[in-house]
């Protein structure tokens, strides 16, 4: 079973900051998103699907200042003070990638058996004008990125996919490379569209076609 690229996660100190970054960097404003009550976050979304990356989208995510503190650490390591300081001082940045699978338990078991700690399955949902979005996602109990960011997060949607309601955009994902993925992990994931290697470069590198020309986003070293 192959894993497909579901979405790229760009972290921002605020959604306004993230939307401004998107317009400046990619040449287009993101569309609306929603709130994640379980984690006290909210997002804005932009469709970036292209050849080999069906239903892919960009998620700009930030801590929701109007939400009560969550009962557990926020996902994607967003509670990390160093990360938040960097977002305030240097602006939004590519943080992570989420892969889509049709069999989350099997893929989790496969990752655990090659020595990874991908997190526990967690049911989540949010309301949209088109109805509820529901999914299962692997999240570590401490909220940290799996594999210190080298290991993508896995998600399985139930019913509708969020890209179904997103308008087309002039931004398209052209290439995605995981730079610190051990071969045994890549074998388990069987990436579709993306490539993988094991080196000293960034954990993730994405190339997008945009109205401003080709743009490459990289995670911090």
N, C-alpha and C. Protein backbone atom coordinates (compact mmCIF):
# COMPACT_ATOMS: atom_id res chain seq x y z
N UNK A 1 0.84 -1.20 0.00
CA UNK A 1 0.00 0.00 0.00
C UNK A 1 0.88 1.25 0.00
N UNK A 2 0.64 2.14 -0.95
CA UNK A 2 1.43 3.36 -1.05
C UNK A 2 0.86 4.45 -0.16
N UNK A 3 1.77 5.33 0.30
CA UNK A 3 1.37 6.56 0.97
C UNK A 3 1.44 7.70 -0.04
N UNK A 4 0.44 8.56 -0.03
CA UNK A 4 0.41 9.71 -0.91
C UNK A 4 0.60 10.99 -0.10
N UNK A 5 1.14 12.01 -0.74
CA UNK A 5 1.29 13.30 -0.07
C UNK A 5 -0.09 13.91 0.13
N UNK A 6 -0.44 14.16 1.38
CA UNK A 6 -1.73 14.77 1.69
C UNK A 6 -1.59 16.28 1.78
N UNK A 7 -0.74 16.74 2.69
CA UNK A 7 -0.54 18.18 2.77
C UNK A 7 0.80 18.56 3.39
N UNK A 8 1.23 19.76 3.07
CA UNK A 8 2.42 20.36 3.66
C UNK A 8 1.98 21.30 4.77
N UNK A 9 2.73 21.31 5.86
CA UNK A 9 2.39 22.11 7.03
C UNK A 9 3.37 23.28 7.12
N UNK A 10 2.83 24.49 7.03
CA UNK A 10 3.60 25.71 7.24
C UNK A 10 3.15 26.33 8.56
N UNK A 11 4.07 26.47 9.49
CA UNK A 11 3.75 27.05 10.80
C UNK A 11 3.92 28.55 10.77
N UNK A 12 3.05 29.26 11.48
CA UNK A 12 3.11 30.71 11.56
C UNK A 12 2.82 31.15 12.98
N UNK A 13 3.30 32.33 13.34
CA UNK A 13 3.02 32.87 14.67
C UNK A 13 1.55 33.28 14.79
N UNK A 14 0.93 33.62 13.66
CA UNK A 14 -0.50 33.95 13.61
C UNK A 14 -0.99 33.66 12.20
N UNK A 15 -2.29 33.49 12.05
CA UNK A 15 -2.81 33.24 10.71
C UNK A 15 -2.66 34.45 9.80
N UNK A 16 -2.75 35.66 10.35
CA UNK A 16 -2.53 36.85 9.54
C UNK A 16 -1.11 36.86 9.00
N UNK A 17 -0.14 36.53 9.86
CA UNK A 17 1.25 36.47 9.41
C UNK A 17 1.40 35.40 8.34
N UNK A 18 0.76 34.25 8.53
CA UNK A 18 0.87 33.17 7.57
C UNK A 18 0.24 33.52 6.23
N UNK A 19 -0.91 34.17 6.25
CA UNK A 19 -1.57 34.57 5.00
C UNK A 19 -0.73 35.58 4.24
N UNK A 20 -0.13 36.52 4.95
CA UNK A 20 0.74 37.52 4.29
C UNK A 20 1.96 36.84 3.68
N UNK A 21 2.54 35.88 4.41
CA UNK A 21 3.68 35.13 3.87
C UNK A 21 3.29 34.40 2.60
N UNK A 22 2.12 33.75 2.59
CA UNK A 22 1.68 32.99 1.43
C UNK A 22 1.51 33.90 0.22
N UNK A 23 0.88 35.06 0.41
CA UNK A 23 0.68 35.99 -0.70
C UNK A 23 2.01 36.51 -1.23
N UNK A 24 2.94 36.78 -0.34
CA UNK A 24 4.24 37.32 -0.75
C UNK A 24 5.12 36.25 -1.39
N UNK A 25 5.14 35.05 -0.80
CA UNK A 25 6.06 34.00 -1.25
C UNK A 25 5.53 33.23 -2.44
N UNK A 26 4.25 32.90 -2.43
CA UNK A 26 3.67 32.05 -3.46
C UNK A 26 2.82 32.82 -4.46
N UNK A 27 2.53 34.10 -4.17
CA UNK A 27 1.79 34.92 -5.11
C UNK A 27 0.29 34.74 -5.08
N UNK A 28 -0.23 34.11 -4.05
CA UNK A 28 -1.67 33.89 -3.95
C UNK A 28 -2.06 33.80 -2.47
N UNK A 29 -3.20 34.34 -2.13
CA UNK A 29 -3.67 34.27 -0.74
C UNK A 29 -4.28 32.91 -0.46
N UNK A 30 -4.11 32.38 0.73
CA UNK A 30 -4.74 31.10 1.07
C UNK A 30 -6.24 31.26 1.26
N UNK A 31 -6.96 30.16 1.09
CA UNK A 31 -8.39 30.17 1.34
C UNK A 31 -8.69 29.97 2.81
N UNK A 32 -9.97 29.88 3.15
CA UNK A 32 -10.34 29.68 4.55
C UNK A 32 -10.00 28.28 5.03
N UNK A 33 -9.97 28.14 6.33
CA UNK A 33 -9.75 26.84 6.95
C UNK A 33 -10.74 26.66 8.09
N UNK A 34 -10.23 26.36 9.27
CA UNK A 34 -11.12 26.19 10.41
C UNK A 34 -10.34 26.06 11.70
N UNK A 35 -11.04 25.62 12.74
CA UNK A 35 -10.46 25.51 14.07
C UNK A 35 -10.38 24.04 14.49
N UNK A 36 -9.34 23.73 15.26
CA UNK A 36 -9.14 22.39 15.80
C UNK A 36 -9.30 22.47 17.32
N UNK A 37 -10.51 22.19 17.80
CA UNK A 37 -10.79 22.35 19.23
C UNK A 37 -9.90 21.46 20.09
N UNK A 38 -9.54 20.29 19.58
CA UNK A 38 -8.76 19.34 20.38
C UNK A 38 -7.36 19.86 20.69
N UNK A 39 -6.81 20.69 19.78
CA UNK A 39 -5.43 21.14 19.94
C UNK A 39 -5.28 22.65 20.10
N UNK A 40 -6.38 23.39 20.05
CA UNK A 40 -6.28 24.84 20.22
C UNK A 40 -5.53 25.52 19.09
N UNK A 41 -5.72 25.03 17.86
CA UNK A 41 -5.07 25.62 16.70
C UNK A 41 -6.13 25.97 15.65
N UNK A 42 -5.74 26.75 14.67
CA UNK A 42 -6.60 27.02 13.52
C UNK A 42 -5.73 27.14 12.28
N UNK A 43 -6.37 27.10 11.10
CA UNK A 43 -5.58 27.05 9.88
C UNK A 43 -6.25 27.78 8.73
N UNK A 44 -5.46 27.97 7.67
CA UNK A 44 -5.94 28.38 6.37
C UNK A 44 -5.32 27.44 5.34
N UNK A 45 -6.03 27.22 4.22
CA UNK A 45 -5.65 26.16 3.30
C UNK A 45 -5.54 26.68 1.87
N UNK A 46 -4.67 26.02 1.11
CA UNK A 46 -4.48 26.35 -0.30
C UNK A 46 -4.25 25.05 -1.07
N UNK A 47 -5.03 24.85 -2.11
CA UNK A 47 -4.88 23.64 -2.92
C UNK A 47 -3.61 23.74 -3.76
N UNK A 48 -2.79 22.69 -3.73
CA UNK A 48 -1.52 22.71 -4.48
C UNK A 48 -1.34 21.40 -5.26
N UNK A 49 -2.43 20.74 -5.60
CA UNK A 49 -2.29 19.47 -6.29
C UNK A 49 -1.73 19.68 -7.70
N UNK A 50 -0.97 18.69 -8.14
CA UNK A 50 -0.38 18.71 -9.46
C UNK A 50 -0.12 17.28 -9.90
N UNK A 51 0.48 17.08 -11.05
CA UNK A 51 0.76 15.72 -11.53
C UNK A 51 1.55 14.91 -10.49
N UNK A 52 1.01 13.78 -10.10
CA UNK A 52 1.66 12.95 -9.10
C UNK A 52 1.31 13.31 -7.67
N UNK A 53 0.55 14.39 -7.47
CA UNK A 53 0.22 14.84 -6.11
C UNK A 53 -1.27 15.19 -6.04
N UNK A 54 -2.11 14.22 -6.32
CA UNK A 54 -3.56 14.43 -6.31
C UNK A 54 -4.04 14.83 -4.92
N UNK A 55 -4.93 15.81 -4.87
CA UNK A 55 -5.57 16.30 -3.64
C UNK A 55 -4.59 16.89 -2.63
N UNK A 56 -3.40 17.23 -3.05
CA UNK A 56 -2.44 17.84 -2.11
C UNK A 56 -2.84 19.29 -1.82
N UNK A 57 -2.57 19.71 -0.59
CA UNK A 57 -2.85 21.10 -0.23
C UNK A 57 -1.81 21.59 0.77
N UNK A 58 -1.77 22.91 0.91
CA UNK A 58 -0.88 23.57 1.87
C UNK A 58 -1.72 24.01 3.06
N UNK A 59 -1.25 23.68 4.24
CA UNK A 59 -1.91 24.11 5.47
C UNK A 59 -1.03 25.12 6.19
N UNK A 60 -1.57 26.31 6.41
CA UNK A 60 -0.92 27.29 7.26
C UNK A 60 -1.58 27.18 8.62
N UNK A 61 -0.80 26.85 9.63
CA UNK A 61 -1.36 26.56 10.95
C UNK A 61 -0.72 27.44 12.01
N UNK A 62 -1.52 27.83 13.00
CA UNK A 62 -1.03 28.67 14.10
C UNK A 62 -1.84 28.35 15.34
N UNK A 63 -1.30 28.69 16.49
CA UNK A 63 -2.05 28.59 17.74
C UNK A 63 -3.21 29.58 17.70
N UNK A 64 -4.39 29.11 18.07
CA UNK A 64 -5.59 29.94 18.06
C UNK A 64 -5.63 30.75 19.36
N UNK A 65 -5.47 32.07 19.29
CA UNK A 65 -5.43 32.86 20.53
C UNK A 65 -6.78 32.91 21.25
N UNK A 66 -7.85 32.57 20.57
CA UNK A 66 -9.18 32.62 21.19
C UNK A 66 -9.62 31.27 21.75
N UNK A 67 -8.81 30.24 21.55
CA UNK A 67 -9.18 28.91 22.03
C UNK A 67 -8.65 28.69 23.45
N UNK A 68 -9.37 27.93 24.26
CA UNK A 68 -8.84 27.59 25.59
C UNK A 68 -7.63 26.68 25.44
N UNK A 69 -6.75 26.67 26.43
CA UNK A 69 -5.59 25.77 26.35
C UNK A 69 -6.04 24.32 26.22
N UNK A 70 -5.44 23.57 25.31
CA UNK A 70 -5.85 22.18 25.13
C UNK A 70 -5.44 21.32 26.31
N UNK A 71 -6.09 20.16 26.43
CA UNK A 71 -5.80 19.24 27.53
C UNK A 71 -4.52 18.44 27.29
N UNK A 72 -3.96 18.53 26.10
CA UNK A 72 -2.76 17.79 25.76
C UNK A 72 -1.85 18.71 24.95
N UNK A 73 -0.56 18.36 24.80
CA UNK A 73 0.32 19.19 23.98
C UNK A 73 -0.20 19.32 22.55
N UNK A 74 -0.01 20.49 21.97
CA UNK A 74 -0.45 20.71 20.59
C UNK A 74 0.38 19.87 19.62
N UNK A 75 -0.25 19.53 18.49
CA UNK A 75 0.46 18.74 17.48
C UNK A 75 1.49 19.58 16.75
N UNK A 76 2.33 18.89 15.99
CA UNK A 76 3.40 19.48 15.17
C UNK A 76 4.41 20.28 15.99
N UNK A 77 4.49 19.98 17.29
CA UNK A 77 5.47 20.67 18.13
C UNK A 77 5.22 22.15 18.30
N UNK A 78 3.97 22.59 18.12
CA UNK A 78 3.69 24.02 18.14
C UNK A 78 3.84 24.66 19.52
N UNK A 79 3.94 23.87 20.57
CA UNK A 79 4.16 24.43 21.90
C UNK A 79 5.63 24.72 22.18
N UNK A 80 6.51 24.34 21.30
CA UNK A 80 7.94 24.54 21.51
C UNK A 80 8.27 26.03 21.55
N UNK A 81 8.78 26.55 22.67
CA UNK A 81 9.07 27.99 22.75
C UNK A 81 10.07 28.46 21.70
N UNK A 82 11.07 27.62 21.38
CA UNK A 82 12.06 28.01 20.38
C UNK A 82 11.42 28.15 19.00
N UNK A 83 10.50 27.23 18.68
CA UNK A 83 9.80 27.32 17.40
C UNK A 83 8.97 28.61 17.34
N UNK A 84 8.22 28.88 18.39
CA UNK A 84 7.38 30.08 18.38
C UNK A 84 8.21 31.36 18.31
N UNK A 85 9.34 31.37 19.00
CA UNK A 85 10.22 32.56 18.92
C UNK A 85 10.74 32.75 17.50
N UNK A 86 11.12 31.65 16.86
CA UNK A 86 11.60 31.74 15.49
C UNK A 86 10.53 32.22 14.52
N UNK A 87 9.29 31.76 14.73
CA UNK A 87 8.20 32.21 13.86
C UNK A 87 7.93 33.69 14.04
N UNK A 88 8.02 34.18 15.27
CA UNK A 88 7.79 35.60 15.51
C UNK A 88 8.92 36.44 14.91
N UNK A 89 10.15 35.95 15.04
CA UNK A 89 11.30 36.75 14.61
C UNK A 89 11.60 36.63 13.13
N UNK A 90 11.40 35.43 12.57
CA UNK A 90 11.83 35.19 11.18
C UNK A 90 10.69 34.85 10.24
N UNK A 91 9.50 34.73 10.76
CA UNK A 91 8.34 34.50 9.91
C UNK A 91 8.00 33.04 9.73
N UNK A 92 6.92 32.77 9.01
CA UNK A 92 6.46 31.39 8.80
C UNK A 92 7.50 30.56 8.06
N UNK A 93 7.38 29.23 8.24
CA UNK A 93 8.30 28.33 7.54
C UNK A 93 7.67 26.96 7.37
N UNK A 94 8.16 26.26 6.36
CA UNK A 94 7.75 24.88 6.17
C UNK A 94 8.19 24.06 7.37
N UNK A 95 7.25 23.33 7.94
CA UNK A 95 7.53 22.60 9.17
C UNK A 95 7.49 21.09 8.98
N UNK A 96 6.57 20.59 8.12
CA UNK A 96 6.33 19.15 8.15
C UNK A 96 5.51 18.75 6.93
N UNK A 97 5.40 17.43 6.72
CA UNK A 97 4.54 16.88 5.69
C UNK A 97 3.67 15.79 6.29
N UNK A 98 2.45 15.70 5.79
CA UNK A 98 1.50 14.69 6.23
C UNK A 98 1.18 13.81 5.04
N UNK A 99 1.27 12.49 5.24
CA UNK A 99 0.99 11.52 4.18
C UNK A 99 -0.34 10.85 4.42
N UNK A 100 -1.03 10.56 3.34
CA UNK A 100 -2.36 9.95 3.39
C UNK A 100 -2.26 8.45 3.14
N UNK A 101 -2.99 7.69 3.92
CA UNK A 101 -3.03 6.24 3.76
C UNK A 101 -4.46 5.74 3.93
N UNK A 102 -4.76 4.59 3.35
CA UNK A 102 -6.06 3.98 3.53
C UNK A 102 -6.09 2.94 4.63
N UNK A 103 -4.91 2.70 5.27
CA UNK A 103 -4.84 1.71 6.34
C UNK A 103 -3.85 2.19 7.39
N UNK A 104 -4.30 3.11 8.23
CA UNK A 104 -3.43 3.71 9.23
C UNK A 104 -2.86 2.69 10.22
N UNK A 105 -3.66 1.76 10.75
CA UNK A 105 -3.11 0.79 11.71
C UNK A 105 -1.98 -0.04 11.12
N UNK A 106 -2.13 -0.48 9.87
CA UNK A 106 -1.09 -1.30 9.26
C UNK A 106 0.21 -0.52 9.07
N UNK A 107 0.09 0.73 8.59
CA UNK A 107 1.29 1.53 8.37
C UNK A 107 1.97 1.88 9.70
N UNK A 108 1.18 2.16 10.73
CA UNK A 108 1.77 2.43 12.04
C UNK A 108 2.53 1.22 12.54
N UNK A 109 1.91 0.05 12.42
CA UNK A 109 2.57 -1.19 12.85
C UNK A 109 3.87 -1.38 12.08
N UNK A 110 3.87 -1.11 10.78
CA UNK A 110 5.08 -1.25 9.99
C UNK A 110 6.18 -0.32 10.45
N UNK A 111 5.84 0.92 10.78
CA UNK A 111 6.85 1.88 11.25
C UNK A 111 7.41 1.48 12.61
N UNK A 112 6.54 1.03 13.51
CA UNK A 112 7.01 0.59 14.82
C UNK A 112 7.98 -0.58 14.68
N UNK A 113 7.71 -1.46 13.72
CA UNK A 113 8.55 -2.63 13.54
C UNK A 113 9.90 -2.33 12.89
N UNK A 114 10.09 -1.11 12.39
CA UNK A 114 11.42 -0.73 11.91
C UNK A 114 12.02 0.33 12.84
N UNK A 115 11.55 0.34 14.10
CA UNK A 115 12.18 1.15 15.13
C UNK A 115 11.73 2.58 15.23
N UNK A 116 10.61 2.93 14.61
CA UNK A 116 10.13 4.31 14.66
C UNK A 116 9.06 4.48 15.75
N UNK A 117 8.86 5.75 16.14
CA UNK A 117 7.82 6.08 17.12
C UNK A 117 6.89 7.10 16.48
N UNK A 118 5.96 6.64 15.63
CA UNK A 118 5.14 7.57 14.85
C UNK A 118 4.00 8.21 15.62
N UNK A 119 3.74 7.78 16.85
CA UNK A 119 2.65 8.32 17.61
C UNK A 119 1.47 7.37 17.67
N UNK A 120 0.44 7.80 18.39
CA UNK A 120 -0.76 6.99 18.57
C UNK A 120 -1.89 7.53 17.69
N UNK A 121 -2.78 6.63 17.22
CA UNK A 121 -3.91 7.10 16.40
C UNK A 121 -4.89 7.92 17.23
N UNK A 122 -5.31 9.02 16.66
CA UNK A 122 -6.18 9.96 17.36
C UNK A 122 -7.29 10.38 16.40
N UNK A 123 -8.52 10.33 16.84
CA UNK A 123 -9.65 10.76 16.03
C UNK A 123 -9.85 12.26 16.20
N UNK A 124 -10.03 12.96 15.08
CA UNK A 124 -10.22 14.41 15.12
C UNK A 124 -11.29 14.79 14.11
N UNK A 125 -11.83 15.99 14.27
CA UNK A 125 -12.85 16.47 13.36
C UNK A 125 -12.94 17.99 13.45
N UNK A 126 -13.52 18.57 12.38
CA UNK A 126 -13.86 19.99 12.42
C UNK A 126 -15.01 20.23 11.45
N UNK A 127 -15.81 21.24 11.79
CA UNK A 127 -16.99 21.56 10.99
C UNK A 127 -16.62 22.51 9.86
N UNK A 128 -17.20 22.31 8.69
CA UNK A 128 -17.01 23.18 7.54
C UNK A 128 -18.38 23.52 6.96
N UNK A 129 -18.47 24.53 6.08
CA UNK A 129 -19.76 24.83 5.45
C UNK A 129 -20.32 23.65 4.67
N UNK A 130 -19.45 22.75 4.21
CA UNK A 130 -19.89 21.58 3.45
C UNK A 130 -20.21 20.39 4.33
N UNK A 131 -20.02 20.50 5.62
CA UNK A 131 -20.25 19.39 6.54
C UNK A 131 -19.00 19.10 7.35
N UNK A 132 -19.04 18.05 8.14
CA UNK A 132 -17.93 17.70 9.01
C UNK A 132 -16.81 17.01 8.25
N UNK A 133 -15.59 17.38 8.58
CA UNK A 133 -14.41 16.63 8.16
C UNK A 133 -13.98 15.76 9.33
N UNK A 134 -13.73 14.50 9.08
CA UNK A 134 -13.31 13.59 10.14
C UNK A 134 -12.11 12.77 9.66
N UNK A 135 -11.17 12.56 10.57
CA UNK A 135 -9.96 11.84 10.21
C UNK A 135 -9.32 11.20 11.43
N UNK A 136 -8.43 10.27 11.17
CA UNK A 136 -7.54 9.73 12.18
C UNK A 136 -6.12 10.12 11.82
N UNK A 137 -5.35 10.47 12.82
CA UNK A 137 -3.99 10.94 12.59
C UNK A 137 -3.09 10.42 13.71
N UNK A 138 -1.84 10.14 13.38
CA UNK A 138 -0.88 9.69 14.39
C UNK A 138 -0.24 10.91 15.04
N UNK A 139 -0.34 10.98 16.36
CA UNK A 139 0.20 12.11 17.13
C UNK A 139 0.94 11.57 18.34
N UNK A 140 2.14 12.02 18.56
CA UNK A 140 2.88 11.64 19.76
C UNK A 140 2.24 12.27 20.99
N UNK A 141 2.35 11.59 22.14
CA UNK A 141 1.75 12.11 23.37
C UNK A 141 2.37 13.44 23.79
N UNK A 142 3.66 13.65 23.45
CA UNK A 142 4.31 14.92 23.81
C UNK A 142 4.10 15.99 22.74
N UNK A 143 3.39 15.67 21.67
CA UNK A 143 3.12 16.63 20.62
C UNK A 143 4.27 16.88 19.66
N UNK A 144 5.42 16.28 19.91
CA UNK A 144 6.60 16.55 19.08
C UNK A 144 6.46 15.92 17.70
N UNK A 145 7.18 16.47 16.75
CA UNK A 145 7.21 15.88 15.42
C UNK A 145 7.86 14.52 15.47
N UNK A 146 7.31 13.52 14.79
CA UNK A 146 7.92 12.18 14.81
C UNK A 146 9.29 12.18 14.14
N UNK A 147 10.20 11.45 14.75
CA UNK A 147 11.55 11.37 14.19
C UNK A 147 12.25 12.72 14.14
N UNK A 148 11.93 13.61 15.08
CA UNK A 148 12.47 14.97 15.09
C UNK A 148 12.23 15.68 13.77
N UNK A 149 11.10 15.37 13.15
CA UNK A 149 10.73 16.02 11.90
C UNK A 149 11.08 15.24 10.65
N UNK A 150 11.94 14.23 10.78
CA UNK A 150 12.35 13.46 9.60
C UNK A 150 11.27 12.50 9.13
N UNK A 151 10.44 12.04 10.05
CA UNK A 151 9.39 11.07 9.72
C UNK A 151 8.07 11.81 9.48
N UNK A 152 7.44 11.63 8.32
CA UNK A 152 6.17 12.30 8.09
C UNK A 152 5.07 11.78 9.01
N UNK A 153 4.08 12.61 9.21
CA UNK A 153 2.90 12.20 9.96
C UNK A 153 1.93 11.49 9.03
N UNK A 154 1.22 10.48 9.54
CA UNK A 154 0.27 9.72 8.74
C UNK A 154 -1.17 10.09 9.12
N UNK A 155 -2.02 10.17 8.09
CA UNK A 155 -3.42 10.53 8.29
C UNK A 155 -4.30 9.61 7.45
N UNK A 156 -5.50 9.35 7.94
CA UNK A 156 -6.50 8.61 7.18
C UNK A 156 -7.82 9.35 7.30
N UNK A 157 -8.36 9.78 6.16
CA UNK A 157 -9.61 10.53 6.14
C UNK A 157 -10.80 9.57 6.15
N UNK A 158 -11.88 10.03 6.75
CA UNK A 158 -13.12 9.27 6.77
C UNK A 158 -14.16 10.05 5.96
N UNK A 159 -14.50 9.55 4.80
CA UNK A 159 -15.46 10.27 3.96
C UNK A 159 -14.79 11.36 3.14
N UNK A 160 -15.29 12.60 3.27
CA UNK A 160 -14.81 13.69 2.44
C UNK A 160 -13.36 14.04 2.71
N UNK A 161 -12.69 14.52 1.67
CA UNK A 161 -11.34 15.06 1.80
C UNK A 161 -11.43 16.57 1.68
N UNK A 162 -10.66 17.33 2.46
CA UNK A 162 -10.80 18.80 2.43
C UNK A 162 -10.54 19.42 1.07
N UNK A 163 -9.68 18.81 0.26
CA UNK A 163 -9.39 19.38 -1.06
C UNK A 163 -10.60 19.35 -1.98
N UNK A 164 -11.58 18.49 -1.67
CA UNK A 164 -12.77 18.39 -2.52
C UNK A 164 -13.53 19.71 -2.60
N UNK A 165 -13.45 20.50 -1.53
CA UNK A 165 -14.19 21.77 -1.48
C UNK A 165 -13.31 22.98 -1.75
N UNK A 166 -12.03 22.77 -2.05
CA UNK A 166 -11.12 23.89 -2.30
C UNK A 166 -11.13 24.26 -3.78
N UNK A 167 -11.15 25.56 -4.09
CA UNK A 167 -11.01 25.94 -5.49
C UNK A 167 -9.61 25.67 -6.01
N UNK A 168 -9.50 25.49 -7.31
CA UNK A 168 -8.18 25.32 -7.91
C UNK A 168 -7.35 26.57 -7.67
N UNK A 169 -6.05 26.40 -7.59
CA UNK A 169 -5.15 27.54 -7.40
C UNK A 169 -4.03 27.47 -8.44
N UNK A 170 -3.34 28.59 -8.66
CA UNK A 170 -2.23 28.59 -9.61
C UNK A 170 -0.94 28.04 -9.03
N UNK A 171 -0.99 27.49 -7.82
CA UNK A 171 0.19 26.91 -7.18
C UNK A 171 0.09 25.39 -7.27
N UNK A 172 1.18 24.74 -7.69
CA UNK A 172 1.17 23.29 -7.84
C UNK A 172 2.46 22.70 -7.29
N UNK A 173 2.33 21.67 -6.49
CA UNK A 173 3.48 20.94 -5.97
C UNK A 173 4.11 20.15 -7.11
N UNK A 174 5.40 20.38 -7.33
CA UNK A 174 6.10 19.70 -8.42
C UNK A 174 7.01 18.59 -7.94
N UNK A 175 7.60 18.76 -6.76
CA UNK A 175 8.51 17.74 -6.22
C UNK A 175 8.56 17.87 -4.71
N UNK A 176 8.71 16.72 -4.05
CA UNK A 176 8.85 16.69 -2.60
C UNK A 176 9.88 15.63 -2.26
N UNK A 177 10.89 16.05 -1.48
CA UNK A 177 11.97 15.13 -1.12
C UNK A 177 12.13 15.08 0.39
N UNK A 178 12.10 13.85 0.92
CA UNK A 178 12.40 13.62 2.34
C UNK A 178 13.88 13.30 2.45
N UNK A 179 14.63 14.16 3.12
CA UNK A 179 16.08 14.07 3.09
C UNK A 179 16.72 13.26 4.18
N UNK A 180 15.94 12.82 5.18
CA UNK A 180 16.54 12.09 6.31
C UNK A 180 15.73 10.84 6.64
N UNK A 181 15.25 10.18 5.62
CA UNK A 181 14.38 9.03 5.81
C UNK A 181 15.17 7.75 5.62
N UNK A 182 15.36 6.95 6.68
CA UNK A 182 16.08 5.69 6.54
C UNK A 182 15.43 4.79 5.48
N UNK A 183 16.24 4.03 4.75
CA UNK A 183 15.69 3.18 3.67
C UNK A 183 14.59 2.24 4.15
N UNK A 184 14.73 1.67 5.36
CA UNK A 184 13.71 0.74 5.84
C UNK A 184 12.38 1.45 6.05
N UNK A 185 12.44 2.72 6.47
CA UNK A 185 11.22 3.49 6.65
C UNK A 185 10.59 3.81 5.30
N UNK A 186 11.41 4.21 4.34
CA UNK A 186 10.90 4.48 3.00
C UNK A 186 10.24 3.25 2.39
N UNK A 187 10.80 2.08 2.67
CA UNK A 187 10.21 0.83 2.17
C UNK A 187 8.83 0.60 2.76
N UNK A 188 8.66 0.90 4.04
CA UNK A 188 7.35 0.74 4.67
C UNK A 188 6.34 1.72 4.07
N UNK A 189 6.75 2.96 3.88
CA UNK A 189 5.82 3.99 3.42
C UNK A 189 5.48 3.87 1.95
N UNK A 190 6.41 3.37 1.14
CA UNK A 190 6.18 3.23 -0.30
C UNK A 190 5.61 4.54 -0.86
N UNK A 191 6.41 5.59 -0.77
CA UNK A 191 5.98 6.92 -1.15
C UNK A 191 5.53 6.98 -2.60
N UNK A 192 4.43 7.64 -2.84
CA UNK A 192 3.96 7.88 -4.20
C UNK A 192 4.17 9.35 -4.54
N UNK A 193 4.94 9.61 -5.58
CA UNK A 193 5.20 10.98 -6.01
C UNK A 193 6.43 11.58 -5.37
N UNK A 194 6.60 11.41 -4.07
CA UNK A 194 7.75 11.97 -3.36
C UNK A 194 8.96 11.05 -3.47
N UNK A 195 10.14 11.61 -3.20
CA UNK A 195 11.38 10.85 -3.18
C UNK A 195 11.96 10.90 -1.77
N UNK A 196 12.92 10.02 -1.50
CA UNK A 196 13.51 9.95 -0.16
C UNK A 196 14.99 9.62 -0.25
N UNK A 197 15.74 10.12 0.72
CA UNK A 197 17.16 9.82 0.85
C UNK A 197 17.55 9.93 2.30
N UNK A 198 18.79 9.63 2.58
CA UNK A 198 19.28 9.68 3.96
C UNK A 198 20.60 10.44 3.94
N UNK A 199 20.54 11.72 4.32
CA UNK A 199 21.72 12.56 4.26
C UNK A 199 21.73 13.59 5.36
N UNK A 200 22.51 14.67 5.14
CA UNK A 200 22.67 15.72 6.15
C UNK A 200 21.89 16.99 5.82
N UNK A 201 21.13 16.98 4.73
CA UNK A 201 20.38 18.17 4.32
C UNK A 201 19.11 18.34 5.12
N UNK A 202 18.23 19.22 4.67
CA UNK A 202 16.97 19.43 5.38
C UNK A 202 16.10 18.18 5.37
N UNK A 203 15.26 18.05 6.38
CA UNK A 203 14.38 16.89 6.46
C UNK A 203 13.37 16.87 5.32
N UNK A 204 13.02 18.04 4.82
CA UNK A 204 11.98 18.12 3.80
C UNK A 204 12.29 19.28 2.86
N UNK A 205 12.10 19.03 1.56
CA UNK A 205 12.31 20.05 0.55
C UNK A 205 11.19 19.95 -0.47
N UNK A 206 10.45 21.02 -0.67
CA UNK A 206 9.31 21.04 -1.59
C UNK A 206 9.53 22.09 -2.66
N UNK A 207 9.28 21.73 -3.89
CA UNK A 207 9.35 22.66 -5.02
C UNK A 207 7.95 22.86 -5.58
N UNK A 208 7.56 24.13 -5.72
CA UNK A 208 6.22 24.46 -6.19
C UNK A 208 6.30 25.40 -7.39
N UNK A 209 5.40 25.19 -8.34
CA UNK A 209 5.19 26.14 -9.42
C UNK A 209 4.20 27.19 -8.93
N UNK A 210 4.55 28.47 -9.05
CA UNK A 210 3.71 29.54 -8.53
C UNK A 210 3.65 30.68 -9.54
N UNK A 211 2.72 31.63 -9.36
CA UNK A 211 2.70 32.81 -10.23
C UNK A 211 3.99 33.63 -10.17
N UNK A 212 4.78 33.44 -9.15
CA UNK A 212 6.05 34.14 -9.01
C UNK A 212 7.22 33.31 -9.56
N UNK A 213 6.91 32.20 -10.20
CA UNK A 213 7.95 31.30 -10.69
C UNK A 213 8.17 30.16 -9.71
N UNK A 214 9.16 29.29 -9.98
CA UNK A 214 9.41 28.17 -9.08
C UNK A 214 9.85 28.65 -7.70
N UNK A 215 9.29 28.04 -6.66
CA UNK A 215 9.62 28.37 -5.28
C UNK A 215 9.99 27.07 -4.58
N UNK A 216 11.11 27.09 -3.86
CA UNK A 216 11.54 25.92 -3.08
C UNK A 216 11.45 26.26 -1.60
N UNK A 217 10.75 25.42 -0.87
CA UNK A 217 10.61 25.56 0.58
C UNK A 217 11.37 24.43 1.24
N UNK A 218 12.10 24.76 2.31
CA UNK A 218 12.87 23.74 3.04
C UNK A 218 12.61 23.87 4.53
N UNK A 219 12.64 22.75 5.22
CA UNK A 219 12.57 22.79 6.67
C UNK A 219 13.91 23.26 7.22
N UNK A 220 13.89 23.76 8.46
CA UNK A 220 15.13 24.19 9.11
C UNK A 220 16.03 22.98 9.36
N UNK A 221 17.33 23.19 9.27
CA UNK A 221 18.29 22.10 9.54
C UNK A 221 18.26 21.73 11.02
